[in-house]
Amino acid sequence: MRAAENLLPLLSAGAEKTETKAVLRKEAQARRVLAELKGFASVIPNQSILTNAIVLKEAKESSAIENIVTTHDELYQNMTAQSQNMDASAKEVLNYREAVYKGSEALRKRRIISVADILQIQETIVKNNAGIRKQPGTSLVNDATGEIIYTPPQDHGEICLLLDDFCNYLNN
């Protein structure tokens, strides 16, 4: 049985728990705010400035989860710096931003995401073409206690199937 089929009961159960009045109110509020933003954006001569700021903020915040911390000032300074003079954290966040743009461009052009797109996005972030992990032994470990927090799938074939399932789920 494919991994996505295993997740269907969980996703259905999760939808029942999340479709509350409070969540639906927040969704309606988010739609109003996005419509307002769209209206404001239409009067900005260069909308890419707004888009870049939003993507850069998202890249900065997402990277902070992985303990890659930088400031907006450092990011803007590093955007104009030569590659060899960049701060390492800022460089990683800027790679993440570039990857978000690549993924968005793939979606805009073809309206779907493929495993090849995911690999290209990963290559943009890590700046190598290692691709899908082939060697087992990866796990997330609590640095303080040494406790294994999570062990992702280890088998290359299983990872490929899961990525394929993920793309099918997203595209449907």
Protein backbone atom coordinates (compact mmCIF):
# COMPACT_ATOMS: atom_id res chain seq x y z
CA MET A 1 0.00 0.00 0.00
CA ARG A 2 1.32 3.43 -0.93
CA ALA A 3 2.29 5.87 1.83
CA ALA A 4 -0.37 8.42 0.84
CA GLU A 5 -3.11 5.79 1.21
CA ASN A 6 -1.87 5.15 4.75
CA LEU A 7 -2.23 8.84 5.52
CA LEU A 8 -5.79 9.31 4.22
CA PRO A 9 -7.55 8.29 7.47
CA LEU A 10 -5.24 10.57 9.43
CA LEU A 11 -5.82 13.50 7.09
CA SER A 12 -9.59 13.02 7.22
CA ALA A 13 -9.53 12.87 11.02
CA GLY A 14 -7.31 15.94 11.10
CA ALA A 15 -9.73 17.90 8.90
CA GLU A 16 -12.55 17.23 11.34
CA LYS A 17 -10.45 18.57 14.20
CA THR A 18 -9.27 21.68 12.36
CA GLU A 19 -12.48 22.81 10.67
CA THR A 20 -13.72 24.60 13.75
CA LYS A 21 -15.60 27.90 13.86
CA ALA A 22 -12.46 29.64 15.10
CA VAL A 23 -10.36 28.28 12.24
CA LEU A 24 -13.00 29.15 9.64
CA ARG A 25 -13.24 32.71 11.06
CA LYS A 26 -9.45 33.04 10.77
CA GLU A 27 -9.61 31.74 7.20
CA ALA A 28 -12.23 34.38 6.32
CA GLN A 29 -10.11 37.05 7.99
CA ALA A 30 -7.02 35.88 6.07
CA ARG A 31 -8.96 36.07 2.79
CA ARG A 32 -10.02 39.65 3.57
CA VAL A 33 -6.47 40.68 4.44
CA LEU A 34 -5.06 39.01 1.30
CA ALA A 35 -7.67 40.80 -0.84
CA GLU A 36 -6.68 44.08 0.80
CA LEU A 37 -3.00 43.33 0.17
CA LYS A 38 -3.80 42.55 -3.47
CA GLY A 39 -5.51 45.93 -3.75
CA PHE A 40 -2.54 47.76 -2.23
CA ALA A 41 -0.11 45.82 -4.40
CA SER A 42 -1.84 46.96 -7.56
CA VAL A 43 -0.74 50.58 -6.92
CA ILE A 44 2.92 49.69 -6.31
CA PRO A 45 4.93 50.35 -9.49
CA ASN A 46 7.38 47.49 -8.84
CA GLN A 47 5.46 44.69 -7.13
CA SER A 48 8.57 42.49 -7.00
CA ILE A 49 9.84 44.66 -4.13
CA LEU A 50 6.85 43.59 -2.01
CA THR A 51 7.10 39.97 -3.14
CA ASN A 52 10.83 39.85 -2.43
CA ALA A 53 10.32 41.24 1.08
CA ILE A 54 7.65 38.62 1.87
CA VAL A 55 9.71 35.72 0.50
CA LEU A 56 12.84 36.98 2.27
CA LYS A 57 10.98 37.21 5.59
CA GLU A 58 9.59 33.68 5.14
CA ALA A 59 13.06 32.35 4.29
CA LYS A 60 14.53 34.08 7.35
CA GLU A 61 11.85 32.74 9.71
CA SER A 62 11.95 29.19 8.29
CA SER A 63 15.72 29.11 8.54
CA ALA A 64 15.53 30.24 12.17
CA ILE A 65 13.72 26.96 12.94
CA GLU A 66 16.93 25.21 11.91
CA ASN A 67 18.97 27.55 14.12
CA ILE A 68 20.17 29.60 11.15
CA VAL A 69 19.70 33.07 12.58
CA THR A 70 20.32 36.37 10.83
CA THR A 71 18.79 39.85 10.68
CA HIS A 72 17.05 41.67 7.85
CA ASP A 73 19.92 44.16 7.79
CA GLU A 74 22.46 41.36 7.33
CA LEU A 75 20.34 39.84 4.58
CA TYR A 76 20.05 43.10 2.62
CA GLN A 77 23.78 43.78 3.06
CA ASN A 78 24.64 40.27 1.87
CA MET A 79 22.33 40.54 -1.14
CA THR A 80 24.75 43.12 -2.53
CA ALA A 81 27.98 41.45 -1.28
CA GLN A 82 30.27 39.23 -3.29
CA SER A 83 29.65 35.53 -2.67
CA GLN A 84 32.98 34.99 -0.88
CA ASN A 85 32.30 37.88 1.53
CA MET A 86 28.85 36.72 2.63
CA ASP A 87 27.92 35.82 6.20
CA ALA A 88 27.23 32.03 6.29
CA SER A 89 23.77 32.33 7.88
CA ALA A 90 22.69 35.07 5.50
CA LYS A 91 23.97 33.00 2.56
CA GLU A 92 21.85 30.01 3.63
CA VAL A 93 18.74 32.18 4.00
CA LEU A 94 19.34 33.71 0.57
CA ASN A 95 19.74 30.20 -0.89
CA TYR A 96 16.41 29.30 0.69
CA ARG A 97 14.82 32.40 -0.85
CA GLU A 98 16.19 31.42 -4.26
CA ALA A 99 14.76 27.90 -3.80
CA VAL A 100 11.32 29.33 -2.98
CA TYR A 101 11.44 31.30 -6.23
CA LYS A 102 12.44 28.16 -8.19
CA GLY A 103 9.54 26.21 -6.72
CA SER A 104 7.13 29.07 -7.41
CA GLU A 105 8.37 29.34 -10.99
CA ALA A 106 7.88 25.59 -11.55
CA LEU A 107 4.32 25.88 -10.23
CA ARG A 108 3.61 28.96 -12.33
CA LYS A 109 4.88 27.34 -15.53
CA ARG A 110 3.43 23.84 -15.24
CA ARG A 111 0.87 24.04 -12.39
CA ILE A 112 2.43 20.95 -10.78
CA ILE A 113 5.47 20.02 -8.70
CA SER A 114 7.54 16.96 -9.64
CA VAL A 115 10.20 15.00 -7.79
CA ALA A 116 12.70 16.56 -10.22
CA ASP A 117 11.50 20.03 -9.08
CA ILE A 118 11.96 19.03 -5.44
CA LEU A 119 15.49 17.83 -6.17
CA GLN A 120 16.27 21.10 -7.97
CA ILE A 121 14.90 23.07 -5.00
CA GLN A 122 17.04 20.98 -2.61
CA GLU A 123 20.10 21.53 -4.81
CA THR A 124 19.49 25.28 -4.66
CA ILE A 125 19.33 25.24 -0.87
CA VAL A 126 22.34 23.01 -0.15
CA LYS A 127 24.38 23.98 -3.24
CA ASN A 128 25.18 20.40 -4.24
CA ASN A 129 23.54 17.80 -6.41
CA ALA A 130 23.61 14.89 -3.95
CA GLY A 131 19.94 14.19 -4.65
CA ILE A 132 17.94 11.64 -2.71
CA ARG A 133 19.79 10.13 0.22
CA LYS A 134 21.10 6.65 -0.59
CA GLN A 135 22.90 5.80 2.66
CA PRO A 136 20.97 4.90 5.83
CA GLY A 137 21.85 6.32 9.22
CA THR A 138 20.15 9.71 9.25
CA SER A 139 18.28 10.72 12.38
CA LEU A 140 17.45 13.88 14.28
CA VAL A 141 19.09 13.85 17.70
CA ASN A 142 18.60 16.13 20.71
CA ASP A 143 22.08 17.68 21.12
CA ALA A 144 21.64 18.08 24.87
CA THR A 145 20.42 14.58 25.72
CA GLY A 146 21.56 12.47 22.76
CA GLU A 147 17.98 11.17 22.47
CA ILE A 148 16.87 10.28 18.94
CA ILE A 149 13.87 12.49 18.24
CA TYR A 150 13.02 11.28 14.76
CA THR A 151 14.36 8.75 12.28
CA PRO A 152 13.22 9.50 8.73
CA PRO A 153 12.79 6.74 6.15
CA GLN A 154 16.16 5.13 5.45
CA ASP A 155 15.61 3.09 2.26
CA HIS A 156 16.29 4.95 -1.02
CA GLY A 157 13.37 3.20 -2.76
CA GLU A 158 10.98 4.06 0.06
CA ILE A 159 12.10 7.70 -0.02
CA CYS A 160 11.46 7.81 -3.78
CA LEU A 161 7.96 6.34 -3.30
CA LEU A 162 7.18 8.81 -0.53
CA LEU A 163 8.36 11.76 -2.65
CA ASP A 164 6.23 10.52 -5.53
CA ASP A 165 3.23 10.19 -3.20
CA PHE A 166 3.90 13.68 -1.84
CA CYS A 167 3.92 15.16 -5.36
CA ASN A 168 0.71 13.32 -6.27
CA TYR A 169 -0.93 14.59 -3.09
CA LEU A 170 0.14 18.19 -3.75
CA ASN A 171 -0.83 18.11 -7.39
CA ASN A 172 -4.29 16.68 -6.69
